[in-house]
All heavy atoms as atom14 arrays in JSON, in Angstrom:
{
  "sequence": "QELGNRNWLGTDDQGRDVLARVIYGFRISV",
  "atom14_mask": [
    [1, 1, 1, 1, 1, 1, 1, 1, 1, 0, 0, 0, 0, 0],
    [1, 1, 1, 1, 1, 1, 1, 1, 1, 0, 0, 0, 0, 0],
    [1, 1, 1, 1, 1, 1, 1, 1, 0, 0, 0, 0, 0, 0],
    [1, 1, 1, 1, 0, 0, 0, 0, 0, 0, 0, 0, 0, 0],
    [1, 1, 1, 1, 1, 1, 1, 1, 0, 0, 0, 0, 0, 0],
    [1, 1, 1, 1, 1, 1, 1, 1, 1, 1, 1, 0, 0, 0],
    [1, 1, 1, 1, 1, 1, 1, 1, 0, 0, 0, 0, 0, 0],
    [1, 1, 1, 1, 1, 1, 1, 1, 1, 1, 1, 1, 1, 1],
    [1, 1, 1, 1, 1, 1, 1, 1, 0, 0, 0, 0, 0, 0],
    [1, 1, 1, 1, 0, 0, 0, 0, 0, 0, 0, 0, 0, 0],
    [1, 1, 1, 1, 1, 1, 1, 0, 0, 0, 0, 0, 0, 0],
    [1, 1, 1, 1, 1, 1, 1, 1, 0, 0, 0, 0, 0, 0],
    [1, 1, 1, 1, 1, 1, 1, 1, 0, 0, 0, 0, 0, 0],
    [1, 1, 1, 1, 1, 1, 1, 1, 1, 0, 0, 0, 0, 0],
    [1, 1, 1, 1, 0, 0, 0, 0, 0, 0, 0, 0, 0, 0],
    [1, 1, 1, 1, 1, 1, 1, 1, 1, 1, 1, 0, 0, 0],
    [1, 1, 1, 1, 1, 1, 1, 1, 0, 0, 0, 0, 0, 0],
    [1, 1, 1, 1, 1, 1, 1, 0, 0, 0, 0, 0, 0, 0],
    [1, 1, 1, 1, 1, 1, 1, 1, 0, 0, 0, 0, 0, 0],
    [1, 1, 1, 1, 1, 0, 0, 0, 0, 0, 0, 0, 0, 0],
    [1, 1, 1, 1, 1, 1, 1, 1, 1, 1, 1, 0, 0, 0],
    [1, 1, 1, 1, 1, 1, 1, 0, 0, 0, 0, 0, 0, 0],
    [1, 1, 1, 1, 1, 1, 1, 1, 0, 0, 0, 0, 0, 0],
    [1, 1, 1, 1, 1, 1, 1, 1, 1, 1, 1, 1, 0, 0],
    [1, 1, 1, 1, 0, 0, 0, 0, 0, 0, 0, 0, 0, 0],
    [1, 1, 1, 1, 1, 1, 1, 1, 1, 1, 1, 0, 0, 0],
    [1, 1, 1, 1, 1, 1, 1, 1, 1, 1, 1, 0, 0, 0],
    [1, 1, 1, 1, 1, 1, 1, 1, 0, 0, 0, 0, 0, 0],
    [1, 1, 1, 1, 1, 1, 0, 0, 0, 0, 0, 0, 0, 0],
    [1, 1, 1, 1, 1, 1, 1, 0, 0, 0, 0, 0, 0, 0]
  ],
  "atom14_positions": [
    [[-9.97, 12.46, 1.83], [-10.82, 12.17, 0.7], [-10.18, 12.5, -0.65], [-10.81, 12.26, -1.69], [-12.15, 12.92, 0.85], [-12.97, 12.41, 2.02], [-14.22, 13.22, 2.26], [-14.4, 14.3, 1.65], [-15.08, 12.77, 3.17], [0.0, 0.0, 0.0], [0.0, 0.0, 0.0], [0.0, 0.0, 0.0], [0.0, 0.0, 0.0], [0.0, 0.0, 0.0]],
    [[-8.97, 13.05, -0.66], [-8.28, 13.27, -1.93], [-7.93, 11.91, -2.55], [-7.61, 10.95, -1.86], [-7.01, 14.08, -1.7], [-7.28, 15.53, -1.33], [-5.99, 16.32, -1.19], [-4.92, 15.79, -1.54], [-6.05, 17.48, -0.72], [0.0, 0.0, 0.0], [0.0, 0.0, 0.0], [0.0, 0.0, 0.0], [0.0, 0.0, 0.0], [0.0, 0.0, 0.0]],
    [[-7.97, 11.86, -3.89], [-7.8, 10.59, -4.58], [-6.44, 9.95, -4.29], [-6.35, 8.74, -4.06], [-7.96, 10.8, -6.09], [-8.0, 9.53, -6.96], [-9.19, 8.66, -6.58], [-8.04, 9.89, -8.43], [0.0, 0.0, 0.0], [0.0, 0.0, 0.0], [0.0, 0.0, 0.0], [0.0, 0.0, 0.0], [0.0, 0.0, 0.0], [0.0, 0.0, 0.0]],
    [[-5.38, 10.73, -4.26], [-4.06, 10.17, -4.01], [-3.84, 9.69, -2.61], [-2.94, 8.88, -2.35], [0.0, 0.0, 0.0], [0.0, 0.0, 0.0], [0.0, 0.0, 0.0], [0.0, 0.0, 0.0], [0.0, 0.0, 0.0], [0.0, 0.0, 0.0], [0.0, 0.0, 0.0], [0.0, 0.0, 0.0], [0.0, 0.0, 0.0], [0.0, 0.0, 0.0]],
    [[-4.66, 10.16, -1.66], [-4.51, 9.75, -0.26], [-5.4, 8.56, 0.09], [-5.39, 8.12, 1.24], [-4.85, 10.92, 0.67], [-3.77, 11.99, 0.66], [-2.59, 11.68, 0.47], [-4.17, 13.24, 0.86], [0.0, 0.0, 0.0], [0.0, 0.0, 0.0], [0.0, 0.0, 0.0], [0.0, 0.0, 0.0], [0.0, 0.0, 0.0], [0.0, 0.0, 0.0]],
    [[-6.13, 8.07, -0.86], [-6.99, 6.91, -0.59], [-6.15, 5.64, -0.46], [-5.13, 5.49, -1.12], [-8.0, 6.74, -1.73], [-9.02, 7.86, -1.83], [-10.06, 7.73, -0.74], [-11.21, 8.59, -0.97], [-12.32, 8.57, -0.25], [-12.44, 7.71, 0.75], [-13.32, 9.36, -0.52], [0.0, 0.0, 0.0], [0.0, 0.0, 0.0], [0.0, 0.0, 0.0]],
    [[-6.63, 4.75, 0.4], [-6.0, 3.43, 0.56], [-6.81, 2.43, -0.25], [-7.8, 1.88, 0.2], [-5.94, 3.03, 2.03], [-5.15, 4.0, 2.88], [-5.69, 4.64, 3.78], [-3.86, 4.12, 2.61], [0.0, 0.0, 0.0], [0.0, 0.0, 0.0], [0.0, 0.0, 0.0], [0.0, 0.0, 0.0], [0.0, 0.0, 0.0], [0.0, 0.0, 0.0]],
    [[-6.33, 2.15, -1.47], [-7.11, 1.33, -2.39], [-7.23, -0.11, -1.93], [-8.21, -0.79, -2.24], [-6.48, 1.39, -3.79], [-6.56, 2.74, -4.4], [-5.67, 3.76, -4.29], [-7.62, 3.25, -5.21], [-6.09, 4.86, -4.97], [-7.29, 4.58, -5.56], [-8.82, 2.71, -5.7], [-8.12, 5.37, -6.36], [-9.64, 3.49, -6.49], [-9.29, 4.8, -6.81]],
    [[-6.24, -0.59, -1.22], [-6.28, -1.96, -0.67], [-6.25, -1.96, 0.85], [-5.9, -2.96, 1.46], [-5.12, -2.79, -1.22], [-5.12, -3.04, -2.74], [-3.9, -3.85, -3.14], [-6.39, -3.76, -3.17], [0.0, 0.0, 0.0], [0.0, 0.0, 0.0], [0.0, 0.0, 0.0], [0.0, 0.0, 0.0], [0.0, 0.0, 0.0], [0.0, 0.0, 0.0]],
    [[-6.61, -0.83, 1.45], [-6.63, -0.73, 2.89], [-5.25, -0.5, 3.49], [-4.26, -0.24, 2.78], [0.0, 0.0, 0.0], [0.0, 0.0, 0.0], [0.0, 0.0, 0.0], [0.0, 0.0, 0.0], [0.0, 0.0, 0.0], [0.0, 0.0, 0.0], [0.0, 0.0, 0.0], [0.0, 0.0, 0.0], [0.0, 0.0, 0.0], [0.0, 0.0, 0.0]],
    [[-5.18, -0.62, 4.8], [-3.9, -0.48, 5.52], [-3.64, -1.73, 6.33], [-4.54, -2.52, 6.62], [-3.91, 0.74, 6.45], [-4.86, 0.51, 7.51], [-4.31, 2.01, 5.69], [0.0, 0.0, 0.0], [0.0, 0.0, 0.0], [0.0, 0.0, 0.0], [0.0, 0.0, 0.0], [0.0, 0.0, 0.0], [0.0, 0.0, 0.0], [0.0, 0.0, 0.0]],
    [[-2.37, -1.9, 6.73], [-2.04, -3.02, 7.59], [-2.24, -2.62, 9.04], [-2.79, -1.57, 9.35], [-0.61, -3.5, 7.32], [0.43, -2.42, 7.62], [0.06, -1.33, 8.13], [1.61, -2.65, 7.36], [0.0, 0.0, 0.0], [0.0, 0.0, 0.0], [0.0, 0.0, 0.0], [0.0, 0.0, 0.0], [0.0, 0.0, 0.0], [0.0, 0.0, 0.0]],
    [[-1.79, -3.46, 9.98], [-2.05, -3.2, 11.39], [-1.24, -2.04, 11.94], [-1.43, -1.67, 13.11], [-1.81, -4.47, 12.21], [-0.41, -5.03, 11.99], [0.4, -4.38, 11.3], [-0.13, -6.13, 12.5], [0.0, 0.0, 0.0], [0.0, 0.0, 0.0], [0.0, 0.0, 0.0], [0.0, 0.0, 0.0], [0.0, 0.0, 0.0], [0.0, 0.0, 0.0]],
    [[-0.34, -1.47, 11.15], [0.42, -0.3, 11.58], [0.03, 0.96, 10.82], [0.68, 2.0, 10.97], [1.92, -0.56, 11.41], [2.43, -1.73, 12.24], [3.93, -1.92, 12.1], [4.68, -0.97, 11.96], [4.37, -3.17, 12.15], [0.0, 0.0, 0.0], [0.0, 0.0, 0.0], [0.0, 0.0, 0.0], [0.0, 0.0, 0.0], [0.0, 0.0, 0.0]],
    [[-0.99, 0.88, 10.0], [-1.47, 2.04, 9.28], [-0.74, 2.32, 7.98], [-0.89, 3.41, 7.42], [0.0, 0.0, 0.0], [0.0, 0.0, 0.0], [0.0, 0.0, 0.0], [0.0, 0.0, 0.0], [0.0, 0.0, 0.0], [0.0, 0.0, 0.0], [0.0, 0.0, 0.0], [0.0, 0.0, 0.0], [0.0, 0.0, 0.0], [0.0, 0.0, 0.0]],
    [[0.04, 1.37, 7.49], [0.77, 1.55, 6.24], [-0.08, 1.08, 5.06], [-0.81, 0.1, 5.18], [2.1, 0.78, 6.28], [3.03, 1.26, 7.39], [4.2, 0.33, 7.58], [3.81, -1.02, 7.95], [4.65, -1.97, 8.37], [5.94, -1.69, 8.47], [4.21, -3.17, 8.67], [0.0, 0.0, 0.0], [0.0, 0.0, 0.0], [0.0, 0.0, 0.0]],
    [[0.07, 1.77, 3.94], [-0.74, 1.47, 2.76], [-0.36, 0.1, 2.19], [0.81, -0.16, 1.89], [-0.53, 2.56, 1.72], [-1.47, 2.39, 0.54], [-2.67, 2.59, 0.69], [-0.97, 2.02, -0.55], [0.0, 0.0, 0.0], [0.0, 0.0, 0.0], [0.0, 0.0, 0.0], [0.0, 0.0, 0.0], [0.0, 0.0, 0.0], [0.0, 0.0, 0.0]],
    [[-1.36, -0.76, 2.0], [-1.11, -2.12, 1.54], [-0.68, -2.13, 0.08], [0.24, -2.87, -0.3], [-2.38, -2.99, 1.75], [-2.19, -4.36, 1.09], [-2.67, -3.15, 3.23], [0.0, 0.0, 0.0], [0.0, 0.0, 0.0], [0.0, 0.0, 0.0], [0.0, 0.0, 0.0], [0.0, 0.0, 0.0], [0.0, 0.0, 0.0], [0.0, 0.0, 0.0]],
    [[-1.29, -1.31, -0.76], [-0.93, -1.29, -2.18], [0.52, -0.86, -2.38], [1.23, -1.45, -3.2], [-1.88, -0.35, -2.94], [-1.64, -0.25, -4.46], [-1.69, -1.61, -5.11], [-2.66, 0.69, -5.09], [0.0, 0.0, 0.0], [0.0, 0.0, 0.0], [0.0, 0.0, 0.0], [0.0, 0.0, 0.0], [0.0, 0.0, 0.0], [0.0, 0.0, 0.0]],
    [[0.96, 0.15, -1.62], [2.37, 0.57, -1.74], [3.31, -0.55, -1.31], [4.34, -0.78, -1.95], [2.6, 1.82, -0.89], [0.0, 0.0, 0.0], [0.0, 0.0, 0.0], [0.0, 0.0, 0.0], [0.0, 0.0, 0.0], [0.0, 0.0, 0.0], [0.0, 0.0, 0.0], [0.0, 0.0, 0.0], [0.0, 0.0, 0.0], [0.0, 0.0, 0.0]],
    [[2.97, -1.26, -0.26], [3.83, -2.35, 0.19], [3.83, -3.53, -0.78], [4.83, -4.23, -0.92], [3.39, -2.8, 1.6], [3.62, -1.74, 2.66], [3.3, -2.26, 4.06], [4.2, -3.34, 4.47], [5.41, -3.15, 4.96], [5.91, -1.93, 5.08], [6.14, -4.18, 5.34], [0.0, 0.0, 0.0], [0.0, 0.0, 0.0], [0.0, 0.0, 0.0]],
    [[2.7, -3.74, -1.46], [2.65, -4.8, -2.46], [3.57, -4.46, -3.63], [4.31, -5.31, -4.15], [1.21, -5.02, -2.94], [1.17, -5.86, -4.21], [0.4, -5.71, -1.86], [0.0, 0.0, 0.0], [0.0, 0.0, 0.0], [0.0, 0.0, 0.0], [0.0, 0.0, 0.0], [0.0, 0.0, 0.0], [0.0, 0.0, 0.0], [0.0, 0.0, 0.0]],
    [[3.56, -3.2, -4.08], [4.39, -2.79, -5.22], [5.88, -2.95, -4.88], [6.65, -3.53, -5.65], [4.08, -1.34, -5.62], [2.64, -1.24, -6.14], [5.05, -0.85, -6.68], [2.18, 0.17, -6.41], [0.0, 0.0, 0.0], [0.0, 0.0, 0.0], [0.0, 0.0, 0.0], [0.0, 0.0, 0.0], [0.0, 0.0, 0.0], [0.0, 0.0, 0.0]],
    [[6.28, -2.44, -3.71], [7.68, -2.56, -3.31], [8.04, -4.02, -2.99], [9.16, -4.47, -3.27], [7.95, -1.69, -2.09], [8.09, -0.22, -2.4], [6.97, 0.61, -2.42], [9.32, 0.35, -2.69], [7.08, 1.98, -2.71], [9.44, 1.71, -2.98], [8.32, 2.51, -2.98], [8.44, 3.85, -3.28], [0.0, 0.0, 0.0], [0.0, 0.0, 0.0]],
    [[7.11, -4.75, -2.39], [7.38, -6.16, -2.08], [7.52, -7.01, -3.33], [8.33, -7.94, -3.38], [0.0, 0.0, 0.0], [0.0, 0.0, 0.0], [0.0, 0.0, 0.0], [0.0, 0.0, 0.0], [0.0, 0.0, 0.0], [0.0, 0.0, 0.0], [0.0, 0.0, 0.0], [0.0, 0.0, 0.0], [0.0, 0.0, 0.0], [0.0, 0.0, 0.0]],
    [[6.72, -6.7, -4.37], [6.84, -7.4, -5.64], [8.23, -7.18, -6.23], [8.85, -8.13, -6.71], [5.76, -6.87, -6.59], [5.75, -7.53, -7.94], [4.94, -8.63, -8.18], [6.54, -7.06, -8.98], [4.92, -9.23, -9.43], [6.53, -7.66, -10.23], [5.72, -8.77, -10.44], [0.0, 0.0, 0.0], [0.0, 0.0, 0.0], [0.0, 0.0, 0.0]],
    [[8.72, -5.96, -6.17], [10.06, -5.69, -6.72], [11.14, -6.44, -5.98], [12.04, -7.05, -6.59], [10.34, -4.18, -6.68], [11.7, -3.81, -7.24], [11.89, -2.31, -7.29], [11.96, -1.71, -5.96], [12.16, -0.4, -5.75], [12.27, 0.42, -6.78], [12.21, 0.07, -4.53], [0.0, 0.0, 0.0], [0.0, 0.0, 0.0], [0.0, 0.0, 0.0]],
    [[11.09, -6.42, -4.66], [12.12, -7.12, -3.88], [12.07, -8.62, -4.14], [13.11, -9.28, -4.3], [11.93, -6.81, -2.38], [12.37, -5.38, -2.08], [12.74, -7.79, -1.52], [12.29, -5.0, -0.62], [0.0, 0.0, 0.0], [0.0, 0.0, 0.0], [0.0, 0.0, 0.0], [0.0, 0.0, 0.0], [0.0, 0.0, 0.0], [0.0, 0.0, 0.0]],
    [[10.86, -9.18, -4.21], [10.74, -10.63, -4.42], [11.31, -11.04, -5.77], [12.06, -12.02, -5.87], [9.26, -11.03, -4.32], [8.74, -10.77, -3.05], [0.0, 0.0, 0.0], [0.0, 0.0, 0.0], [0.0, 0.0, 0.0], [0.0, 0.0, 0.0], [0.0, 0.0, 0.0], [0.0, 0.0, 0.0], [0.0, 0.0, 0.0], [0.0, 0.0, 0.0]],
    [[10.99, -10.28, -6.82], [11.47, -10.66, -8.16], [12.98, -10.44, -8.27], [13.71, -11.29, -8.83], [10.73, -9.85, -9.24], [11.29, -10.14, -10.62], [9.24, -10.19, -9.21], [0.0, 0.0, 0.0], [0.0, 0.0, 0.0], [0.0, 0.0, 0.0], [0.0, 0.0, 0.0], [0.0, 0.0, 0.0], [0.0, 0.0, 0.0], [0.0, 0.0, 0.0]]
  ]
}
């Protein structure tokens, strides 16, 4: 329930944070 541990966009099917993967994926794509 700590704010930093929240999954703001949920998790994927392996339990990884979607928002973190979007940020890193955006960088790799650009």
